[in-house]
Amino acid sequence: MGAARAKNRFYAYDAGGHRGIVKSWTDCEAKVRGRPARYRGFETLAAARAWLQAGAPYEDRSAAREQAREALPKHALYFDSGTGRGLGSEVAVTDAEGAPVLHLALPAEALTERGTHLLPAGKTNNYGELFGCLCALRAARKLGLRAVCGDSALVLDYWSKGHVTKEKRESDPDLYALAQKTFGERRLFEAKGGRLIKVPGSLNPADLGFHRE
């Protein structure tokens, strides 16, 4: 789920003359699937109603998206993880143009033909985000870059700082060990002026193509 969607509490739709407001993306998707439709997520019920009353106007966000993409740090590396290919958790680390750089942190035999890395079976997407962060930090230090960006608040604000709950430490010792390694790399990175930055999932150049708006 993308960062923008996480804030939405109501979804308004206009599909084939049928209008309404529901409280989940799943319900909205069921209403609009297979028919011409307009739909949007809103944080408040009032905003959703106002949009429908205004005629469910279509808003072309391409220009705003491109402007936001241009504002992303250029001299930086980006990381992401996804399971959309159905092959397990896949990790990507790229530059600002989306070019893979994971080879700077992993041996060639550990990479796919796309320059990504597939984690062992059973590893979660969140574990993949943390592993991607670790690899991005190592690659950035090799390149002399001072910014590493991702869209996982859990990784950026907690795990990469060594903050893992007791329950998680006990249930997933591998993740805890990875968090400790990542924390060590982060300290080295930040000691030389490096920064970790959160970016929207839909704008992340390392996005594996599985984020929704």
N, C-alpha and C. Protein backbone atom coordinates (compact mmCIF):
# COMPACT_ATOMS: atom_id res chain seq x y z
N MET A 1 0.85 -1.18 0.00
CA MET A 1 0.00 0.00 0.00
C MET A 1 0.89 1.23 0.00
N GLY A 2 0.62 2.18 -0.89
CA GLY A 2 1.43 3.37 -0.97
C GLY A 2 1.19 4.30 0.19
N ALA A 3 2.12 5.26 0.37
CA ALA A 3 2.01 6.19 1.49
C ALA A 3 0.76 7.04 1.41
N ALA A 4 0.38 7.47 0.17
CA ALA A 4 -0.78 8.34 0.03
C ALA A 4 -2.05 7.60 0.42
N ARG A 5 -2.16 6.34 0.02
CA ARG A 5 -3.37 5.59 0.29
C ARG A 5 -3.57 5.34 1.78
N ALA A 6 -2.49 5.22 2.52
CA ALA A 6 -2.60 4.90 3.94
C ALA A 6 -3.39 5.95 4.71
N LYS A 7 -3.42 7.20 4.20
CA LYS A 7 -4.11 8.27 4.90
C LYS A 7 -5.60 8.34 4.53
N ASN A 8 -6.00 7.69 3.44
CA ASN A 8 -7.38 7.76 2.99
C ASN A 8 -8.31 6.93 3.89
N ARG A 9 -9.43 7.54 4.27
CA ARG A 9 -10.42 6.84 5.08
C ARG A 9 -11.71 6.63 4.33
N PHE A 10 -11.90 7.37 3.22
CA PHE A 10 -13.12 7.27 2.44
C PHE A 10 -12.77 7.27 0.95
N TYR A 11 -13.54 6.52 0.18
CA TYR A 11 -13.33 6.44 -1.26
C TYR A 11 -14.64 6.74 -1.96
N ALA A 12 -14.62 7.79 -2.78
CA ALA A 12 -15.81 8.17 -3.53
C ALA A 12 -15.66 7.67 -4.96
N TYR A 13 -16.78 7.26 -5.58
CA TYR A 13 -16.71 6.74 -6.93
C TYR A 13 -17.94 7.17 -7.73
N ASP A 14 -17.75 7.25 -9.04
CA ASP A 14 -18.83 7.52 -9.98
C ASP A 14 -18.61 6.54 -11.12
N ALA A 15 -19.39 5.49 -11.17
CA ALA A 15 -19.20 4.42 -12.14
C ALA A 15 -20.51 4.10 -12.85
N GLY A 16 -20.58 4.43 -14.13
CA GLY A 16 -21.77 4.11 -14.91
C GLY A 16 -23.04 4.71 -14.35
N GLY A 17 -22.96 5.91 -13.81
CA GLY A 17 -24.13 6.57 -13.24
C GLY A 17 -24.40 6.21 -11.80
N HIS A 18 -23.66 5.25 -11.27
CA HIS A 18 -23.80 4.87 -9.87
C HIS A 18 -22.72 5.56 -9.05
N ARG A 19 -23.15 6.29 -8.05
CA ARG A 19 -22.21 7.04 -7.20
C ARG A 19 -22.31 6.56 -5.76
N GLY A 20 -21.22 6.74 -5.04
CA GLY A 20 -21.26 6.37 -3.64
C GLY A 20 -19.94 6.62 -2.95
N ILE A 21 -19.94 6.34 -1.66
CA ILE A 21 -18.74 6.50 -0.84
C ILE A 21 -18.60 5.25 0.02
N VAL A 22 -17.43 4.67 0.01
CA VAL A 22 -17.15 3.48 0.81
C VAL A 22 -15.93 3.76 1.69
N LYS A 23 -15.66 2.83 2.60
CA LYS A 23 -14.61 3.08 3.58
C LYS A 23 -13.33 2.27 3.37
N SER A 24 -13.22 1.60 2.22
CA SER A 24 -11.99 0.87 1.96
C SER A 24 -11.73 0.82 0.47
N TRP A 25 -10.44 0.70 0.11
CA TRP A 25 -10.08 0.60 -1.30
C TRP A 25 -10.64 -0.69 -1.90
N THR A 26 -10.69 -1.75 -1.13
CA THR A 26 -11.22 -3.02 -1.63
C THR A 26 -12.66 -2.87 -2.08
N ASP A 27 -13.46 -2.18 -1.26
CA ASP A 27 -14.86 -1.96 -1.61
C ASP A 27 -14.99 -1.06 -2.84
N CYS A 28 -14.13 -0.04 -2.91
CA CYS A 28 -14.17 0.87 -4.05
C CYS A 28 -13.80 0.14 -5.33
N GLU A 29 -12.78 -0.67 -5.26
CA GLU A 29 -12.33 -1.43 -6.43
C GLU A 29 -13.43 -2.33 -6.95
N ALA A 30 -14.17 -2.93 -6.04
CA ALA A 30 -15.28 -3.81 -6.43
C ALA A 30 -16.37 -3.04 -7.16
N LYS A 31 -16.58 -1.78 -6.79
CA LYS A 31 -17.62 -0.96 -7.40
C LYS A 31 -17.24 -0.49 -8.80
N VAL A 32 -15.94 -0.25 -9.05
CA VAL A 32 -15.54 0.36 -10.31
C VAL A 32 -14.91 -0.62 -11.30
N ARG A 33 -14.58 -1.81 -10.84
CA ARG A 33 -13.89 -2.76 -11.72
C ARG A 33 -14.72 -3.10 -12.95
N GLY A 34 -14.07 -3.03 -14.12
CA GLY A 34 -14.70 -3.45 -15.37
C GLY A 34 -15.65 -2.45 -15.99
N ARG A 35 -15.66 -1.21 -15.53
CA ARG A 35 -16.56 -0.21 -16.10
C ARG A 35 -15.88 1.16 -16.08
N PRO A 36 -16.26 2.05 -17.01
CA PRO A 36 -15.71 3.42 -16.98
C PRO A 36 -16.06 4.07 -15.65
N ALA A 37 -15.07 4.61 -14.99
CA ALA A 37 -15.33 5.14 -13.66
C ALA A 37 -14.33 6.21 -13.28
N ARG A 38 -14.75 7.02 -12.34
CA ARG A 38 -13.86 7.97 -11.71
C ARG A 38 -13.92 7.72 -10.20
N TYR A 39 -12.81 7.77 -9.56
CA TYR A 39 -12.79 7.50 -8.12
C TYR A 39 -11.59 8.18 -7.49
N ARG A 40 -11.73 8.50 -6.22
CA ARG A 40 -10.64 9.16 -5.48
C ARG A 40 -10.74 8.81 -4.00
N GLY A 41 -9.60 8.82 -3.33
CA GLY A 41 -9.57 8.62 -1.89
C GLY A 41 -9.51 9.95 -1.17
N PHE A 42 -10.15 10.02 -0.02
CA PHE A 42 -10.19 11.25 0.77
C PHE A 42 -9.96 10.94 2.25
N GLU A 43 -9.45 11.92 2.94
CA GLU A 43 -9.23 11.75 4.38
C GLU A 43 -10.50 11.99 5.18
N THR A 44 -11.44 12.76 4.62
CA THR A 44 -12.67 13.07 5.36
C THR A 44 -13.89 12.77 4.51
N LEU A 45 -15.00 12.47 5.18
CA LEU A 45 -16.26 12.20 4.49
C LEU A 45 -16.76 13.45 3.78
N ALA A 46 -16.56 14.61 4.39
CA ALA A 46 -17.01 15.86 3.80
C ALA A 46 -16.32 16.12 2.46
N ALA A 47 -15.03 15.85 2.39
CA ALA A 47 -14.29 16.06 1.15
C ALA A 47 -14.77 15.10 0.06
N ALA A 48 -15.07 13.87 0.44
CA ALA A 48 -15.57 12.89 -0.52
C ALA A 48 -16.92 13.33 -1.08
N ARG A 49 -17.80 13.80 -0.20
CA ARG A 49 -19.12 14.26 -0.64
C ARG A 49 -19.01 15.48 -1.55
N ALA A 50 -18.10 16.38 -1.20
CA ALA A 50 -17.95 17.60 -2.00
C ALA A 50 -17.47 17.27 -3.41
N TRP A 51 -16.60 16.28 -3.51
CA TRP A 51 -16.09 15.87 -4.83
C TRP A 51 -17.21 15.30 -5.69
N LEU A 52 -18.06 14.48 -5.11
CA LEU A 52 -19.19 13.93 -5.85
C LEU A 52 -20.18 15.02 -6.25
N GLN A 53 -20.44 15.94 -5.33
CA GLN A 53 -21.37 17.02 -5.62
C GLN A 53 -20.86 17.95 -6.71
N ALA A 54 -19.53 18.02 -6.85
CA ALA A 54 -18.93 18.86 -7.89
C ALA A 54 -18.90 18.15 -9.24
N GLY A 55 -19.43 16.93 -9.29
CA GLY A 55 -19.48 16.19 -10.54
C GLY A 55 -18.35 15.21 -10.72
N ALA A 56 -17.69 14.85 -9.64
CA ALA A 56 -16.55 13.92 -9.70
C ALA A 56 -15.55 14.34 -10.75
N PRO A 57 -15.05 15.59 -10.67
CA PRO A 57 -14.15 16.09 -11.72
C PRO A 57 -12.86 15.30 -11.81
N TYR A 58 -12.43 15.05 -13.04
CA TYR A 58 -11.17 14.35 -13.26
C TYR A 58 -10.03 15.35 -13.11
N GLU A 59 -9.03 14.95 -12.36
CA GLU A 59 -7.87 15.82 -12.13
C GLU A 59 -6.63 15.16 -12.71
N ASP A 60 -6.04 15.82 -13.69
CA ASP A 60 -4.82 15.29 -14.31
C ASP A 60 -3.64 15.61 -13.39
N ARG A 61 -3.12 14.57 -12.77
CA ARG A 61 -2.04 14.77 -11.81
C ARG A 61 -0.66 14.55 -12.42
N SER A 62 -0.59 14.32 -13.73
CA SER A 62 0.69 13.99 -14.34
C SER A 62 1.71 15.11 -14.19
N ALA A 63 1.26 16.37 -14.37
CA ALA A 63 2.20 17.49 -14.27
C ALA A 63 2.70 17.63 -12.83
N ALA A 64 1.78 17.49 -11.86
CA ALA A 64 2.19 17.60 -10.46
C ALA A 64 3.12 16.45 -10.08
N ARG A 65 2.85 15.26 -10.62
CA ARG A 65 3.69 14.11 -10.33
C ARG A 65 5.10 14.32 -10.88
N GLU A 66 5.17 14.83 -12.12
CA GLU A 66 6.47 15.05 -12.73
C GLU A 66 7.26 16.11 -11.96
N GLN A 67 6.56 17.13 -11.50
CA GLN A 67 7.19 18.18 -10.71
C GLN A 67 7.73 17.60 -9.40
N ALA A 68 6.93 16.74 -8.77
CA ALA A 68 7.37 16.11 -7.52
C ALA A 68 8.55 15.18 -7.77
N ARG A 69 8.52 14.47 -8.89
CA ARG A 69 9.62 13.57 -9.22
C ARG A 69 10.92 14.35 -9.44
N GLU A 70 10.79 15.50 -10.10
CA GLU A 70 11.97 16.33 -10.35
C GLU A 70 12.58 16.87 -9.06
N ALA A 71 11.74 16.98 -8.02
CA ALA A 71 12.22 17.52 -6.75
C ALA A 71 12.96 16.48 -5.91
N LEU A 72 12.94 15.21 -6.31
CA LEU A 72 13.64 14.18 -5.56
C LEU A 72 15.15 14.42 -5.61
N PRO A 73 15.87 14.04 -4.56
CA PRO A 73 17.34 14.21 -4.56
C PRO A 73 17.97 13.49 -5.74
N LYS A 74 18.84 14.17 -6.47
CA LYS A 74 19.49 13.59 -7.65
C LYS A 74 20.73 12.78 -7.28
N HIS A 75 21.52 13.30 -6.37
CA HIS A 75 22.75 12.60 -5.96
C HIS A 75 22.42 11.71 -4.76
N ALA A 76 21.68 10.66 -5.05
CA ALA A 76 21.19 9.79 -3.99
C ALA A 76 20.95 8.39 -4.54
N LEU A 77 20.83 7.42 -3.64
CA LEU A 77 20.42 6.08 -4.00
C LEU A 77 19.06 5.80 -3.37
N TYR A 78 18.29 4.93 -4.02
CA TYR A 78 16.94 4.62 -3.60
C TYR A 78 16.78 3.11 -3.44
N PHE A 79 15.98 2.69 -2.47
CA PHE A 79 15.76 1.27 -2.26
C PHE A 79 14.26 0.97 -2.18
N ASP A 80 13.92 -0.29 -2.51
CA ASP A 80 12.53 -0.72 -2.42
C ASP A 80 12.50 -2.24 -2.37
N SER A 81 11.36 -2.78 -1.97
CA SER A 81 11.14 -4.22 -1.98
C SER A 81 9.70 -4.48 -2.36
N GLY A 82 9.47 -5.56 -3.11
CA GLY A 82 8.11 -5.89 -3.51
C GLY A 82 7.96 -7.37 -3.78
N THR A 83 6.72 -7.82 -3.77
CA THR A 83 6.42 -9.24 -4.01
C THR A 83 5.51 -9.42 -5.21
N GLY A 84 5.34 -8.38 -6.01
CA GLY A 84 4.36 -8.40 -7.10
C GLY A 84 4.61 -9.40 -8.19
N ARG A 85 5.84 -9.86 -8.36
CA ARG A 85 6.09 -10.84 -9.43
C ARG A 85 5.71 -12.26 -9.01
N GLY A 86 5.39 -12.43 -7.73
CA GLY A 86 5.01 -13.75 -7.26
C GLY A 86 6.18 -14.68 -7.05
N LEU A 87 7.37 -14.12 -6.94
CA LEU A 87 8.58 -14.93 -6.77
C LEU A 87 9.16 -14.80 -5.37
N GLY A 88 8.44 -14.15 -4.49
CA GLY A 88 8.96 -13.86 -3.16
C GLY A 88 9.34 -12.40 -3.06
N SER A 89 10.03 -12.04 -2.00
CA SER A 89 10.43 -10.64 -1.80
C SER A 89 11.62 -10.31 -2.69
N GLU A 90 11.44 -9.28 -3.50
CA GLU A 90 12.46 -8.84 -4.45
C GLU A 90 12.96 -7.46 -4.02
N VAL A 91 14.27 -7.28 -4.00
CA VAL A 91 14.88 -6.05 -3.51
C VAL A 91 15.55 -5.31 -4.66
N ALA A 92 15.35 -3.99 -4.70
CA ALA A 92 15.98 -3.15 -5.72
C ALA A 92 16.67 -1.98 -5.06
N VAL A 93 17.83 -1.62 -5.60
CA VAL A 93 18.54 -0.40 -5.21
C VAL A 93 18.96 0.27 -6.52
N THR A 94 18.60 1.55 -6.69
CA THR A 94 18.89 2.25 -7.93
C THR A 94 19.40 3.66 -7.66
N ASP A 95 19.87 4.30 -8.75
CA ASP A 95 20.19 5.72 -8.64
C ASP A 95 18.91 6.51 -8.91
N ALA A 96 19.03 7.82 -9.02
CA ALA A 96 17.85 8.67 -9.17
C ALA A 96 17.15 8.46 -10.52
N GLU A 97 17.85 7.88 -11.49
CA GLU A 97 17.26 7.62 -12.79
C GLU A 97 16.67 6.22 -12.89
N GLY A 98 16.78 5.45 -11.82
CA GLY A 98 16.23 4.09 -11.82
C GLY A 98 17.19 3.04 -12.30
N ALA A 99 18.46 3.39 -12.52
CA ALA A 99 19.46 2.42 -12.96
C ALA A 99 19.91 1.57 -11.78
N PRO A 100 19.91 0.23 -11.92
CA PRO A 100 20.29 -0.65 -10.80
C PRO A 100 21.74 -0.46 -10.36
N VAL A 101 21.96 -0.45 -9.06
CA VAL A 101 23.33 -0.33 -8.51
C VAL A 101 23.56 -1.37 -7.41
N LEU A 102 22.68 -2.36 -7.34
CA LEU A 102 22.80 -3.36 -6.28
C LEU A 102 24.09 -4.17 -6.40
N HIS A 103 24.68 -4.17 -7.60
CA HIS A 103 25.93 -4.90 -7.80
C HIS A 103 27.08 -4.32 -6.98
N LEU A 104 26.88 -3.09 -6.49
CA LEU A 104 27.92 -2.47 -5.65
C LEU A 104 27.90 -3.02 -4.23
N ALA A 105 26.82 -3.74 -3.88
CA ALA A 105 26.70 -4.26 -2.52
C ALA A 105 26.61 -5.78 -2.47
N LEU A 106 26.29 -6.41 -3.61
CA LEU A 106 26.12 -7.87 -3.64
C LEU A 106 26.91 -8.46 -4.80
N PRO A 107 27.33 -9.73 -4.68
CA PRO A 107 28.03 -10.39 -5.78
C PRO A 107 27.10 -10.63 -6.97
N ALA A 108 27.68 -10.76 -8.15
CA ALA A 108 26.89 -10.92 -9.37
C ALA A 108 25.95 -12.11 -9.31
N GLU A 109 26.40 -13.22 -8.70
CA GLU A 109 25.57 -14.42 -8.66
C GLU A 109 24.33 -14.25 -7.78
N ALA A 110 24.29 -13.20 -6.97
CA ALA A 110 23.14 -12.97 -6.09
C ALA A 110 22.08 -12.09 -6.76
N LEU A 111 22.34 -11.66 -8.01
CA LEU A 111 21.45 -10.74 -8.69
C LEU A 111 20.62 -11.44 -9.77
N THR A 112 19.43 -10.91 -10.00
CA THR A 112 18.61 -11.38 -11.11
C THR A 112 19.06 -10.68 -12.39
N GLU A 113 18.46 -11.07 -13.51
CA GLU A 113 18.81 -10.41 -14.78
C GLU A 113 18.38 -8.96 -14.80
N ARG A 114 17.51 -8.57 -13.87
CA ARG A 114 17.06 -7.18 -13.77
C ARG A 114 17.94 -6.36 -12.83
N GLY A 115 18.94 -7.00 -12.25
CA GLY A 115 19.79 -6.28 -11.31
C GLY A 115 19.19 -6.17 -9.93
N THR A 116 18.17 -6.98 -9.66
CA THR A 116 17.54 -7.01 -8.33
C THR A 116 18.00 -8.27 -7.59
N HIS A 117 17.53 -8.43 -6.37
CA HIS A 117 17.90 -9.59 -5.56
C HIS A 117 16.64 -10.23 -4.99
N LEU A 118 16.52 -11.54 -5.14
CA LEU A 118 15.40 -12.28 -4.57
C LEU A 118 15.82 -12.87 -3.23
N LEU A 119 15.06 -12.57 -2.20
CA LEU A 119 15.36 -13.09 -0.87
C LEU A 119 14.93 -14.55 -0.75
N PRO A 120 15.48 -15.28 0.21
CA PRO A 120 15.05 -16.67 0.43
C PRO A 120 13.56 -16.75 0.73
N ALA A 121 12.98 -17.88 0.41
CA ALA A 121 11.55 -18.09 0.67
C ALA A 121 11.23 -17.85 2.13
N GLY A 122 10.12 -17.19 2.37
CA GLY A 122 9.67 -16.94 3.73
C GLY A 122 10.03 -15.58 4.27
N LYS A 123 10.96 -14.88 3.61
CA LYS A 123 11.32 -13.54 4.06
C LYS A 123 10.25 -12.54 3.62
N THR A 124 9.85 -11.68 4.53
CA THR A 124 8.76 -10.75 4.26
C THR A 124 9.22 -9.54 3.45
N ASN A 125 8.23 -8.81 2.95
CA ASN A 125 8.53 -7.59 2.21
C ASN A 125 9.20 -6.55 3.11
N ASN A 126 8.79 -6.47 4.38
CA ASN A 126 9.42 -5.54 5.30
C ASN A 126 10.89 -5.90 5.54
N TYR A 127 11.16 -7.19 5.62
CA TYR A 127 12.56 -7.64 5.72
C TYR A 127 13.32 -7.19 4.48
N GLY A 128 12.67 -7.31 3.31
CA GLY A 128 13.29 -6.88 2.07
C GLY A 128 13.59 -5.40 2.05
N GLU A 129 12.69 -4.59 2.60
CA GLU A 129 12.94 -3.14 2.66
C GLU A 129 14.17 -2.85 3.53
N LEU A 130 14.29 -3.56 4.63
CA LEU A 130 15.44 -3.36 5.52
C LEU A 130 16.73 -3.80 4.84
N PHE A 131 16.68 -4.94 4.15
CA PHE A 131 17.86 -5.42 3.43
C PHE A 131 18.24 -4.43 2.33
N GLY A 132 17.23 -3.89 1.65
CA GLY A 132 17.50 -2.89 0.62
C GLY A 132 18.16 -1.65 1.18
N CYS A 133 17.72 -1.24 2.37
CA CYS A 133 18.32 -0.08 3.03
C CYS A 133 19.79 -0.34 3.33
N LEU A 134 20.08 -1.52 3.86
CA LEU A 134 21.47 -1.89 4.17
C LEU A 134 22.33 -1.84 2.91
N CYS A 135 21.84 -2.43 1.84
CA CYS A 135 22.61 -2.45 0.58
C CYS A 135 22.79 -1.04 0.02
N ALA A 136 21.73 -0.22 0.11
CA ALA A 136 21.82 1.15 -0.40
C ALA A 136 22.85 1.95 0.39
N LEU A 137 22.90 1.77 1.70
CA LEU A 137 23.88 2.47 2.51
C LEU A 137 25.30 2.08 2.12
N ARG A 138 25.52 0.79 1.91
CA ARG A 138 26.85 0.32 1.53
C ARG A 138 27.25 0.83 0.15
N ALA A 139 26.31 0.79 -0.79
CA ALA A 139 26.59 1.26 -2.14
C ALA A 139 26.83 2.78 -2.16
N ALA A 140 26.05 3.51 -1.37
CA ALA A 140 26.21 4.96 -1.32
C ALA A 140 27.57 5.36 -0.77
N ARG A 141 28.03 4.64 0.23
CA ARG A 141 29.36 4.95 0.77
C ARG A 141 30.44 4.69 -0.27
N LYS A 142 30.29 3.65 -1.08
CA LYS A 142 31.26 3.37 -2.13
C LYS A 142 31.28 4.47 -3.18
N LEU A 143 30.10 5.01 -3.46
CA LEU A 143 29.99 6.04 -4.49
C LEU A 143 30.25 7.45 -3.96
N GLY A 144 30.39 7.57 -2.65
CA GLY A 144 30.60 8.89 -2.07
C GLY A 144 29.34 9.73 -2.03
N LEU A 145 28.16 9.10 -2.08
CA LEU A 145 26.90 9.83 -2.03
C LEU A 145 26.46 10.01 -0.58
N ARG A 146 25.67 11.05 -0.34
CA ARG A 146 25.29 11.37 1.03
C ARG A 146 23.78 11.33 1.26
N ALA A 147 23.06 10.66 0.40
CA ALA A 147 21.62 10.54 0.60
C ALA A 147 21.16 9.15 0.17
N VAL A 148 20.37 8.52 1.04
CA VAL A 148 19.73 7.24 0.74
C VAL A 148 18.25 7.43 1.00
N CYS A 149 17.43 7.03 0.03
CA CYS A 149 16.00 7.30 0.11
C CYS A 149 15.18 6.02 -0.03
N GLY A 150 14.07 5.97 0.67
CA GLY A 150 13.14 4.84 0.58
C GLY A 150 11.76 5.29 0.99
N ASP A 151 10.78 4.41 0.86
CA ASP A 151 9.40 4.79 1.21
C ASP A 151 8.86 4.06 2.42
N SER A 152 9.71 3.32 3.13
CA SER A 152 9.26 2.57 4.31
C SER A 152 9.56 3.34 5.59
N ALA A 153 8.51 3.87 6.21
CA ALA A 153 8.69 4.58 7.48
C ALA A 153 9.18 3.64 8.57
N LEU A 154 8.72 2.40 8.52
CA LEU A 154 9.14 1.41 9.52
C LEU A 154 10.65 1.22 9.49
N VAL A 155 11.21 1.12 8.29
CA VAL A 155 12.65 0.92 8.16
C VAL A 155 13.42 2.20 8.48
N LEU A 156 12.98 3.31 7.92
CA LEU A 156 13.73 4.56 8.07
C LEU A 156 13.66 5.12 9.50
N ASP A 157 12.51 5.01 10.12
CA ASP A 157 12.32 5.63 11.43
C ASP A 157 12.59 4.70 12.62
N TYR A 158 12.61 3.41 12.37
CA TYR A 158 12.75 2.48 13.50
C TYR A 158 13.85 1.44 13.28
N TRP A 159 13.64 0.49 12.37
CA TRP A 159 14.55 -0.64 12.28
C TRP A 159 15.98 -0.24 11.94
N SER A 160 16.16 0.72 11.02
CA SER A 160 17.52 1.12 10.65
C SER A 160 18.21 1.90 11.76
N LYS A 161 17.43 2.27 12.78
CA LYS A 161 18.00 2.92 13.96
C LYS A 161 18.20 1.93 15.10
N GLY A 162 17.98 0.66 14.81
CA GLY A 162 18.15 -0.38 15.83
C GLY A 162 16.96 -0.55 16.72
N HIS A 163 15.85 0.14 16.42
CA HIS A 163 14.65 0.05 17.25
C HIS A 163 13.76 -1.09 16.77
N VAL A 164 13.84 -2.23 17.42
CA VAL A 164 13.02 -3.40 17.08
C VAL A 164 12.35 -3.86 18.38
N THR A 165 11.06 -4.08 18.32
CA THR A 165 10.34 -4.46 19.53
C THR A 165 10.83 -5.79 20.07
N LYS A 166 10.62 -5.98 21.37
CA LYS A 166 11.04 -7.24 21.99
C LYS A 166 10.35 -8.43 21.33
N GLU A 167 9.06 -8.27 21.03
CA GLU A 167 8.32 -9.35 20.39
C GLU A 167 8.92 -9.70 19.04
N LYS A 168 9.30 -8.67 18.27
CA LYS A 168 9.87 -8.92 16.96
C LYS A 168 11.26 -9.52 17.07
N ARG A 169 12.02 -9.08 18.04
CA ARG A 169 13.36 -9.65 18.24
C ARG A 169 13.28 -11.14 18.53
N GLU A 170 12.28 -11.51 19.32
CA GLU A 170 12.14 -12.92 19.71
C GLU A 170 11.55 -13.76 18.59
N SER A 171 10.61 -13.19 17.83
CA SER A 171 9.95 -13.97 16.78
C SER A 171 10.75 -14.03 15.49
N ASP A 172 11.62 -13.04 15.27
CA ASP A 172 12.39 -12.99 14.03
C ASP A 172 13.82 -12.55 14.31
N PRO A 173 14.63 -13.44 14.87
CA PRO A 173 16.01 -13.08 15.20
C PRO A 173 16.84 -12.69 13.98
N ASP A 174 16.51 -13.25 12.80
CA ASP A 174 17.24 -12.87 11.59
C ASP A 174 17.01 -11.40 11.26
N LEU A 175 15.78 -10.97 11.40
CA LEU A 175 15.48 -9.56 11.14
C LEU A 175 16.20 -8.66 12.15
N TYR A 176 16.21 -9.07 13.39
CA TYR A 176 16.88 -8.27 14.42
C TYR A 176 18.38 -8.15 14.11
N ALA A 177 18.99 -9.26 13.68
CA ALA A 177 20.41 -9.22 13.32
C ALA A 177 20.64 -8.29 12.14
N LEU A 178 19.73 -8.32 11.16
CA LEU A 178 19.83 -7.43 10.01
C LEU A 178 19.67 -5.98 10.43
N ALA A 179 18.75 -5.72 11.36
CA ALA A 179 18.55 -4.36 11.86
C ALA A 179 19.81 -3.83 12.53
N GLN A 180 20.50 -4.69 13.27
CA GLN A 180 21.73 -4.27 13.94
C GLN A 180 22.82 -3.94 12.93
N LYS A 181 22.93 -4.75 11.87
CA LYS A 181 23.90 -4.47 10.80
C LYS A 181 23.57 -3.14 10.12
N THR A 182 22.29 -2.96 9.84
CA THR A 182 21.87 -1.73 9.15
C THR A 182 22.11 -0.51 10.02
N PHE A 183 21.86 -0.65 11.31
CA PHE A 183 22.10 0.45 12.25
C PHE A 183 23.59 0.83 12.25
N GLY A 184 24.45 -0.18 12.23
CA GLY A 184 25.89 0.10 12.19
C GLY A 184 26.27 0.85 10.92
N GLU A 185 25.74 0.41 9.78
CA GLU A 185 26.03 1.10 8.52
C GLU A 185 25.46 2.52 8.53
N ARG A 186 24.29 2.67 9.12
CA ARG A 186 23.68 4.00 9.17
C ARG A 186 24.54 4.96 10.00
N ARG A 187 25.05 4.49 11.11
CA ARG A 187 25.90 5.35 11.94
C ARG A 187 27.14 5.79 11.18
N LEU A 188 27.77 4.87 10.45
CA LEU A 188 28.94 5.23 9.64
C LEU A 188 28.57 6.25 8.56
N PHE A 189 27.43 6.02 7.94
CA PHE A 189 26.96 6.89 6.86
C PHE A 189 26.66 8.29 7.38
N GLU A 190 25.95 8.36 8.49
CA GLU A 190 25.57 9.67 9.04
C GLU A 190 26.77 10.39 9.66
N ALA A 191 27.75 9.64 10.13
CA ALA A 191 28.95 10.27 10.70
C ALA A 191 29.71 11.07 9.66
N LYS A 192 29.51 10.73 8.38
CA LYS A 192 30.18 11.45 7.29
C LYS A 192 29.23 12.39 6.57
N GLY A 193 28.15 12.75 7.24
CA GLY A 193 27.22 13.72 6.68
C GLY A 193 26.09 13.14 5.87
N GLY A 194 25.94 11.82 5.87
CA GLY A 194 24.88 11.19 5.10
C GLY A 194 23.51 11.36 5.74
N ARG A 195 22.48 11.28 4.90
CA ARG A 195 21.09 11.42 5.40
C ARG A 195 20.23 10.31 4.81
N LEU A 196 19.25 9.86 5.58
CA LEU A 196 18.23 8.94 5.09
C LEU A 196 16.94 9.73 4.95
N ILE A 197 16.31 9.61 3.79
CA ILE A 197 15.17 10.46 3.44
C ILE A 197 13.99 9.60 3.01
N LYS A 198 12.81 9.93 3.51
CA LYS A 198 11.59 9.22 3.10
C LYS A 198 10.98 9.89 1.87
N VAL A 199 10.62 9.08 0.88
CA VAL A 199 9.97 9.59 -0.33
C VAL A 199 8.68 8.82 -0.56
N PRO A 200 7.72 9.40 -1.31
CA PRO A 200 6.48 8.67 -1.60
C PRO A 200 6.77 7.40 -2.41
N GLY A 201 6.07 6.33 -2.10
CA GLY A 201 6.30 5.08 -2.80
C GLY A 201 6.08 5.19 -4.30
N SER A 202 5.07 5.96 -4.72
CA SER A 202 4.76 6.08 -6.14
C SER A 202 5.79 6.88 -6.91
N LEU A 203 6.68 7.60 -6.21
CA LEU A 203 7.72 8.40 -6.87
C LEU A 203 9.10 7.76 -6.75
N ASN A 204 9.20 6.71 -5.98
CA ASN A 204 10.49 6.07 -5.72
C ASN A 204 11.08 5.49 -7.01
N PRO A 205 12.24 5.96 -7.47
CA PRO A 205 12.83 5.42 -8.70
C PRO A 205 13.15 3.93 -8.61
N ALA A 206 13.32 3.41 -7.40
CA ALA A 206 13.60 1.98 -7.22
C ALA A 206 12.33 1.15 -7.17
N ASP A 207 11.17 1.82 -7.24
CA ASP A 207 9.88 1.11 -7.14
C ASP A 207 9.84 -0.03 -8.16
N LEU A 208 9.45 -1.19 -7.68
CA LEU A 208 9.40 -2.37 -8.55
C LEU A 208 8.12 -2.44 -9.37
N GLY A 209 7.32 -1.38 -9.32
CA GLY A 209 6.13 -1.33 -10.15
C GLY A 209 4.88 -1.84 -9.50
N PHE A 210 4.91 -2.02 -8.18
CA PHE A 210 3.76 -2.63 -7.51
C PHE A 210 3.03 -1.65 -6.61
N HIS A 211 3.43 -0.36 -6.60
CA HIS A 211 2.73 0.63 -5.77
C HIS A 211 1.48 1.12 -6.49
N ARG A 212 0.44 1.35 -5.71
CA ARG A 212 -0.77 1.99 -6.22
C ARG A 212 -0.76 3.43 -5.75
N GLU A 213 -1.45 4.30 -6.52
CA GLU A 213 -1.61 5.69 -6.09
C GLU A 213 -2.51 5.72 -4.87
